[in-house]
Amino acid sequence: GGFQMKYHLGGALTIKATDITTAVGDNV
């Protein structure tokens, strides 16, 4: 239980599918 991950389906966050690469690189 020390490493928890929260999974969000497409559209659940204010991040476009085309911006996922950038969101990961920026640590968003």
PDB file of all heavy atoms in Angstrom:
ATOM      1  N   GLY A   1       0.791  -1.224   0.000  1.00  0.00           N
ATOM      2  CA  GLY A   1       0.000   0.000   0.000  1.00  0.00           C
ATOM      3  C   GLY A   1       0.822   1.272   0.000  1.00  0.00           C
ATOM      4  O   GLY A   1       0.267   2.376   0.041  1.00  0.00           O
ATOM      5  N   GLY A   2       2.149   1.130  -0.082  1.00  0.00           N
ATOM      6  CA  GLY A   2       2.997   2.321  -0.039  1.00  0.00           C
ATOM      7  C   GLY A   2       3.018   3.115  -1.324  1.00  0.00           C
ATOM      8  O   GLY A   2       3.319   4.309  -1.330  1.00  0.00           O
ATOM      9  N   PHE A   3       2.705   2.444  -2.444  1.00  0.00           N
ATOM     10  CA  PHE A   3       2.706   3.117  -3.746  1.00  0.00           C
ATOM     11  C   PHE A   3       1.283   3.041  -4.300  1.00  0.00           C
ATOM     12  O   PHE A   3       0.819   1.996  -4.742  1.00  0.00           O
ATOM     13  CB  PHE A   3       3.689   2.412  -4.684  1.00  0.00           C
ATOM     14  CG  PHE A   3       3.979   3.176  -5.968  1.00  0.00           C
ATOM     15  CD1 PHE A   3       4.903   2.675  -6.878  1.00  0.00           C
ATOM     16  CD2 PHE A   3       3.350   4.371  -6.282  1.00  0.00           C
ATOM     17  CE1 PHE A   3       5.192   3.338  -8.058  1.00  0.00           C
ATOM     18  CE2 PHE A   3       3.620   5.048  -7.452  1.00  0.00           C
ATOM     19  CZ  PHE A   3       4.545   4.531  -8.341  1.00  0.00           C
ATOM     20  N   GLN A   4       0.599   4.170  -4.267  1.00  0.00           N
ATOM     21  CA  GLN A   4      -0.783   4.253  -4.727  1.00  0.00           C
ATOM     22  C   GLN A   4      -0.860   5.027  -6.041  1.00  0.00           C
ATOM     23  O   GLN A   4      -0.163   6.024  -6.225  1.00  0.00           O
ATOM     24  CB  GLN A   4      -1.660   4.936  -3.681  1.00  0.00           C
ATOM     25  CG  GLN A   4      -1.757   4.186  -2.357  1.00  0.00           C
ATOM     26  CD  GLN A   4      -2.530   2.889  -2.505  1.00  0.00           C
ATOM     27  OE1 GLN A   4      -3.518   2.805  -3.225  1.00  0.00           O
ATOM     28  NE2 GLN A   4      -2.072   1.847  -1.796  1.00  0.00           N
ATOM     29  N   MET A   5      -1.720   4.547  -6.945  1.00  0.00           N
ATOM     30  CA  MET A   5      -1.913   5.243  -8.219  1.00  0.00           C
ATOM     31  C   MET A   5      -3.399   5.486  -8.462  1.00  0.00           C
ATOM     32  O   MET A   5      -4.216   4.581  -8.263  1.00  0.00           O
ATOM     33  CB  MET A   5      -1.305   4.422  -9.372  1.00  0.00           C
ATOM     34  CG  MET A   5       0.208   4.375  -9.347  1.00  0.00           C
ATOM     35  SD  MET A   5       0.911   3.333 -10.657  1.00  0.00           S
ATOM     36  CE  MET A   5       0.710   1.708  -9.929  1.00  0.00           C
ATOM     37  N   LYS A   6      -3.706   6.696  -8.877  1.00  0.00           N
ATOM     38  CA  LYS A   6      -5.091   7.071  -9.169  1.00  0.00           C
ATOM     39  C   LYS A   6      -5.268   7.147 -10.685  1.00  0.00           C
ATOM     40  O   LYS A   6      -4.593   7.923 -11.355  1.00  0.00           O
ATOM     41  CB  LYS A   6      -5.417   8.420  -8.522  1.00  0.00           C
ATOM     42  CG  LYS A   6      -5.330   8.395  -6.995  1.00  0.00           C
ATOM     43  CD  LYS A   6      -5.624   9.764  -6.400  1.00  0.00           C
ATOM     44  CE  LYS A   6      -5.530   9.726  -4.872  1.00  0.00           C
ATOM     45  NZ  LYS A   6      -5.791  11.068  -4.269  1.00  0.00           N
ATOM     46  N   TYR A   7      -6.189   6.341 -11.192  1.00  0.00           N
ATOM     47  CA  TYR A   7      -6.399   6.211 -12.640  1.00  0.00           C
ATOM     48  C   TYR A   7      -7.603   7.036 -13.082  1.00  0.00           C
ATOM     49  O   TYR A   7      -8.689   6.948 -12.503  1.00  0.00           O
ATOM     50  CB  TYR A   7      -6.628   4.736 -12.960  1.00  0.00           C
ATOM     51  CG  TYR A   7      -6.820   4.415 -14.426  1.00  0.00           C
ATOM     52  CD1 TYR A   7      -5.731   4.376 -15.297  1.00  0.00           C
ATOM     53  CD2 TYR A   7      -8.083   4.115 -14.926  1.00  0.00           C
ATOM     54  CE1 TYR A   7      -5.909   4.051 -16.634  1.00  0.00           C
ATOM     55  CE2 TYR A   7      -8.263   3.787 -16.264  1.00  0.00           C
ATOM     56  CZ  TYR A   7      -7.171   3.759 -17.112  1.00  0.00           C
ATOM     57  OH  TYR A   7      -7.334   3.443 -18.438  1.00  0.00           O
ATOM     58  N   HIS A   8      -7.412   7.839 -14.129  1.00  0.00           N
ATOM     59  CA  HIS A   8      -8.482   8.693 -14.640  1.00  0.00           C
ATOM     60  C   HIS A   8      -8.733   8.385 -16.115  1.00  0.00           C
ATOM     61  O   HIS A   8      -7.805   8.410 -16.932  1.00  0.00           O
ATOM     62  CB  HIS A   8      -8.115  10.167 -14.496  1.00  0.00           C
ATOM     63  CG  HIS A   8      -7.892  10.595 -13.070  1.00  0.00           C
ATOM     64  ND1 HIS A   8      -8.919  11.010 -12.250  1.00  0.00           N
ATOM     65  CD2 HIS A   8      -6.760  10.648 -12.320  1.00  0.00           C
ATOM     66  CE1 HIS A   8      -8.437  11.321 -11.052  1.00  0.00           C
ATOM     67  NE2 HIS A   8      -7.121  11.105 -11.075  1.00  0.00           N
ATOM     68  N   LEU A   9      -9.981   8.107 -16.468  1.00  0.00           N
ATOM     69  CA  LEU A   9     -10.363   7.842 -17.850  1.00  0.00           C
ATOM     70  C   LEU A   9     -10.305   9.119 -18.678  1.00  0.00           C
ATOM     71  O   LEU A   9     -10.349  10.238 -18.128  1.00  0.00           O
ATOM     72  CB  LEU A   9     -11.776   7.268 -17.906  1.00  0.00           C
ATOM     73  CG  LEU A   9     -11.963   5.846 -17.356  1.00  0.00           C
ATOM     74  CD1 LEU A   9     -13.438   5.525 -17.226  1.00  0.00           C
ATOM     75  CD2 LEU A   9     -11.274   4.828 -18.269  1.00  0.00           C
ATOM     76  N   GLY A  10     -10.238   8.968 -19.997  1.00  0.00           N
ATOM     77  CA  GLY A  10     -10.201  10.115 -20.884  1.00  0.00           C
ATOM     78  C   GLY A  10     -11.396  11.028 -20.668  1.00  0.00           C
ATOM     79  O   GLY A  10     -12.532  10.568 -20.582  1.00  0.00           O
ATOM     80  N   GLY A  11     -11.130  12.320 -20.520  1.00  0.00           N
ATOM     81  CA  GLY A  11     -12.182  13.302 -20.299  1.00  0.00           C
ATOM     82  C   GLY A  11     -12.414  13.627 -18.835  1.00  0.00           C
ATOM     83  O   GLY A  11     -13.088  14.611 -18.508  1.00  0.00           O
ATOM     84  N   ALA A  12     -11.860  12.808 -17.936  1.00  0.00           N
ATOM     85  CA  ALA A  12     -12.071  13.032 -16.507  1.00  0.00           C
ATOM     86  C   ALA A  12     -11.220  14.186 -15.973  1.00  0.00           C
ATOM     87  O   ALA A  12     -11.558  14.796 -14.959  1.00  0.00           O
ATOM     88  CB  ALA A  12     -11.769  11.762 -15.719  1.00  0.00           C
ATOM     89  N   LEU A  13     -10.106  14.480 -16.637  1.00  0.00           N
ATOM     90  CA  LEU A  13      -9.252  15.604 -16.271  1.00  0.00           C
ATOM     91  C   LEU A  13      -9.290  16.644 -17.392  1.00  0.00           C
ATOM     92  O   LEU A  13      -9.633  16.332 -18.526  1.00  0.00           O
ATOM     93  CB  LEU A  13      -7.804  15.140 -16.042  1.00  0.00           C
ATOM     94  CG  LEU A  13      -7.573  14.076 -14.961  1.00  0.00           C
ATOM     95  CD1 LEU A  13      -6.085  13.738 -14.886  1.00  0.00           C
ATOM     96  CD2 LEU A  13      -8.091  14.556 -13.619  1.00  0.00           C
ATOM     97  N   THR A  14      -8.910  17.863 -17.063  1.00  0.00           N
ATOM     98  CA  THR A  14      -8.919  18.928 -18.068  1.00  0.00           C
ATOM     99  C   THR A  14      -7.644  18.899 -18.901  1.00  0.00           C
ATOM    100  O   THR A  14      -6.940  19.906 -19.047  1.00  0.00           O
ATOM    101  CB  THR A  14      -9.071  20.303 -17.395  1.00  0.00           C
ATOM    102  OG1 THR A  14      -8.031  20.457 -16.420  1.00  0.00           O
ATOM    103  CG2 THR A  14     -10.416  20.444 -16.737  1.00  0.00           C
ATOM    104  N   ILE A  15      -7.355  17.735 -19.430  1.00  0.00           N
ATOM    105  CA  ILE A  15      -6.187  17.538 -20.292  1.00  0.00           C
ATOM    106  C   ILE A  15      -6.670  16.840 -21.554  1.00  0.00           C
ATOM    107  O   ILE A  15      -7.291  15.786 -21.499  1.00  0.00           O
ATOM    108  CB  ILE A  15      -5.121  16.652 -19.605  1.00  0.00           C
ATOM    109  CG1 ILE A  15      -4.636  17.289 -18.304  1.00  0.00           C
ATOM    110  CG2 ILE A  15      -3.936  16.415 -20.552  1.00  0.00           C
ATOM    111  CD1 ILE A  15      -3.728  16.384 -17.480  1.00  0.00           C
ATOM    112  N   LYS A  16      -6.409  17.432 -22.702  1.00  0.00           N
ATOM    113  CA  LYS A  16      -6.810  16.820 -23.959  1.00  0.00           C
ATOM    114  C   LYS A  16      -5.957  15.584 -24.224  1.00  0.00           C
ATOM    115  O   LYS A  16      -4.808  15.495 -23.789  1.00  0.00           O
ATOM    116  CB  LYS A  16      -6.644  17.810 -25.109  1.00  0.00           C
ATOM    117  CG  LYS A  16      -7.560  19.015 -25.052  1.00  0.00           C
ATOM    118  CD  LYS A  16      -7.316  19.938 -26.230  1.00  0.00           C
ATOM    119  CE  LYS A  16      -8.229  21.150 -26.186  1.00  0.00           C
ATOM    120  NZ  LYS A  16      -7.965  22.070 -27.337  1.00  0.00           N
ATOM    121  N   ALA A  17      -6.527  14.653 -24.974  1.00  0.00           N
ATOM    122  CA  ALA A  17      -5.784  13.437 -25.315  1.00  0.00           C
ATOM    123  C   ALA A  17      -4.487  13.772 -26.031  1.00  0.00           C
ATOM    124  O   ALA A  17      -3.463  13.105 -25.838  1.00  0.00           O
ATOM    125  CB  ALA A  17      -6.649  12.524 -26.182  1.00  0.00           C
ATOM    126  N   THR A  18      -4.508  14.823 -26.847  1.00  0.00           N
ATOM    127  CA  THR A  18      -3.316  15.231 -27.599  1.00  0.00           C
ATOM    128  C   THR A  18      -2.276  15.917 -26.721  1.00  0.00           C
ATOM    129  O   THR A  18      -1.169  16.184 -27.182  1.00  0.00           O
ATOM    130  CB  THR A  18      -3.719  16.174 -28.750  1.00  0.00           C
ATOM    131  OG1 THR A  18      -4.527  17.240 -28.224  1.00  0.00           O
ATOM    132  CG2 THR A  18      -4.512  15.429 -29.816  1.00  0.00           C
ATOM    133  N   ASP A  19      -2.626  16.201 -25.463  1.00  0.00           N
ATOM    134  CA  ASP A  19      -1.694  16.873 -24.551  1.00  0.00           C
ATOM    135  C   ASP A  19      -1.120  15.939 -23.488  1.00  0.00           C
ATOM    136  O   ASP A  19      -0.396  16.387 -22.597  1.00  0.00           O
ATOM    137  CB  ASP A  19      -2.387  18.048 -23.847  1.00  0.00           C
ATOM    138  CG  ASP A  19      -2.613  19.225 -24.772  1.00  0.00           C
ATOM    139  OD1 ASP A  19      -1.863  19.355 -25.754  1.00  0.00           O
ATOM    140  OD2 ASP A  19      -3.545  20.008 -24.519  1.00  0.00           O
ATOM    141  N   ILE A  20      -1.425  14.662 -23.572  1.00  0.00           N
ATOM    142  CA  ILE A  20      -0.945  13.731 -22.552  1.00  0.00           C
ATOM    143  C   ILE A  20       0.580  13.664 -22.525  1.00  0.00           C
ATOM    144  O   ILE A  20       1.197  13.633 -21.454  1.00  0.00           O
ATOM    145  CB  ILE A  20      -1.555  12.326 -22.758  1.00  0.00           C
ATOM    146  CG1 ILE A  20      -3.045  12.363 -22.382  1.00  0.00           C
ATOM    147  CG2 ILE A  20      -0.820  11.280 -21.923  1.00  0.00           C
ATOM    148  CD1 ILE A  20      -3.780  11.054 -22.604  1.00  0.00           C
ATOM    149  N   THR A  21       1.218  13.670 -23.688  1.00  0.00           N
ATOM    150  CA  THR A  21       2.689  13.646 -23.741  1.00  0.00           C
ATOM    151  C   THR A  21       3.269  14.804 -22.935  1.00  0.00           C
ATOM    152  O   THR A  21       4.186  14.625 -22.124  1.00  0.00           O
ATOM    153  CB  THR A  21       3.185  13.762 -25.196  1.00  0.00           C
ATOM    154  OG1 THR A  21       2.506  12.822 -26.012  1.00  0.00           O
ATOM    155  CG2 THR A  21       4.681  13.507 -25.277  1.00  0.00           C
ATOM    156  N   THR A  22       2.738  15.989 -23.167  1.00  0.00           N
ATOM    157  CA  THR A  22       3.217  17.189 -22.477  1.00  0.00           C
ATOM    158  C   THR A  22       2.924  17.128 -20.986  1.00  0.00           C
ATOM    159  O   THR A  22       3.764  17.517 -20.156  1.00  0.00           O
ATOM    160  CB  THR A  22       2.551  18.441 -23.074  1.00  0.00           C
ATOM    161  OG1 THR A  22       2.810  18.484 -24.474  1.00  0.00           O
ATOM    162  CG2 THR A  22       3.094  19.705 -22.426  1.00  0.00           C
ATOM    163  N   ALA A  23       1.738  16.628 -20.625  1.00  0.00           N
ATOM    164  CA  ALA A  23       1.352  16.552 -19.217  1.00  0.00           C
ATOM    165  C   ALA A  23       2.278  15.635 -18.434  1.00  0.00           C
ATOM    166  O   ALA A  23       2.621  15.918 -17.283  1.00  0.00           O
ATOM    167  CB  ALA A  23      -0.093  16.064 -19.101  1.00  0.00           C
ATOM    168  N   VAL A  24       2.706  14.545 -19.045  1.00  0.00           N
ATOM    169  CA  VAL A  24       3.651  13.633 -18.385  1.00  0.00           C
ATOM    170  C   VAL A  24       5.013  14.304 -18.250  1.00  0.00           C
ATOM    171  O   VAL A  24       5.621  14.296 -17.181  1.00  0.00           O
ATOM    172  CB  VAL A  24       3.797  12.307 -19.158  1.00  0.00           C
ATOM    173  CG1 VAL A  24       4.879  11.434 -18.510  1.00  0.00           C
ATOM    174  CG2 VAL A  24       2.479  11.554 -19.187  1.00  0.00           C
ATOM    175  N   GLY A  25       5.490  14.898 -19.327  1.00  0.00           N
ATOM    176  CA  GLY A  25       6.799  15.545 -19.301  1.00  0.00           C
ATOM    177  C   GLY A  25       6.886  16.679 -18.301  1.00  0.00           C
ATOM    178  O   GLY A  25       7.945  16.918 -17.711  1.00  0.00           O
ATOM    179  N   ASP A  26       5.758  17.373 -18.069  1.00  0.00           N
ATOM    180  CA  ASP A  26       5.720  18.482 -17.109  1.00  0.00           C
ATOM    181  C   ASP A  26       5.381  18.030 -15.695  1.00  0.00           C
ATOM    182  O   ASP A  26       5.264  18.856 -14.787  1.00  0.00           O
ATOM    183  CB  ASP A  26       4.688  19.527 -17.552  1.00  0.00           C
ATOM    184  CG  ASP A  26       5.116  20.274 -18.808  1.00  0.00           C
ATOM    185  OD1 ASP A  26       6.314  20.219 -19.153  1.00  0.00           O
ATOM    186  OD2 ASP A  26       4.249  20.914 -19.446  1.00  0.00           O
ATOM    187  N   ASN A  27       5.181  16.727 -15.513  1.00  0.00           N
ATOM    188  CA  ASN A  27       4.842  16.156 -14.211  1.00  0.00           C
ATOM    189  C   ASN A  27       3.482  16.613 -13.691  1.00  0.00           C
ATOM    190  O   ASN A  27       3.221  16.614 -12.490  1.00  0.00           O
ATOM    191  CB  ASN A  27       5.916  16.452 -13.160  1.00  0.00           C
ATOM    192  CG  ASN A  27       5.901  15.424 -12.024  1.00  0.00           C
ATOM    193  OD1 ASN A  27       5.492  14.285 -12.222  1.00  0.00           O
ATOM    194  ND2 ASN A  27       6.346  15.835 -10.857  1.00  0.00           N
ATOM    195  N   VAL A  28       2.615  17.018 -14.589  1.00  0.00           N
ATOM    196  CA  VAL A  28       1.236  17.304 -14.218  1.00  0.00           C
ATOM    197  C   VAL A  28       0.551  15.984 -13.869  1.00  0.00           C
ATOM    198  O   VAL A  28      -0.264  15.897 -12.960  1.00  0.00           O
ATOM    199  CB  VAL A  28       0.487  18.010 -15.375  1.00  0.00           C
ATOM    200  CG1 VAL A  28      -0.996  18.169 -15.068  1.00  0.00           C
ATOM    201  CG2 VAL A  28       1.122  19.372 -15.646  1.00  0.00           C
TER     202      VAL A  28
END
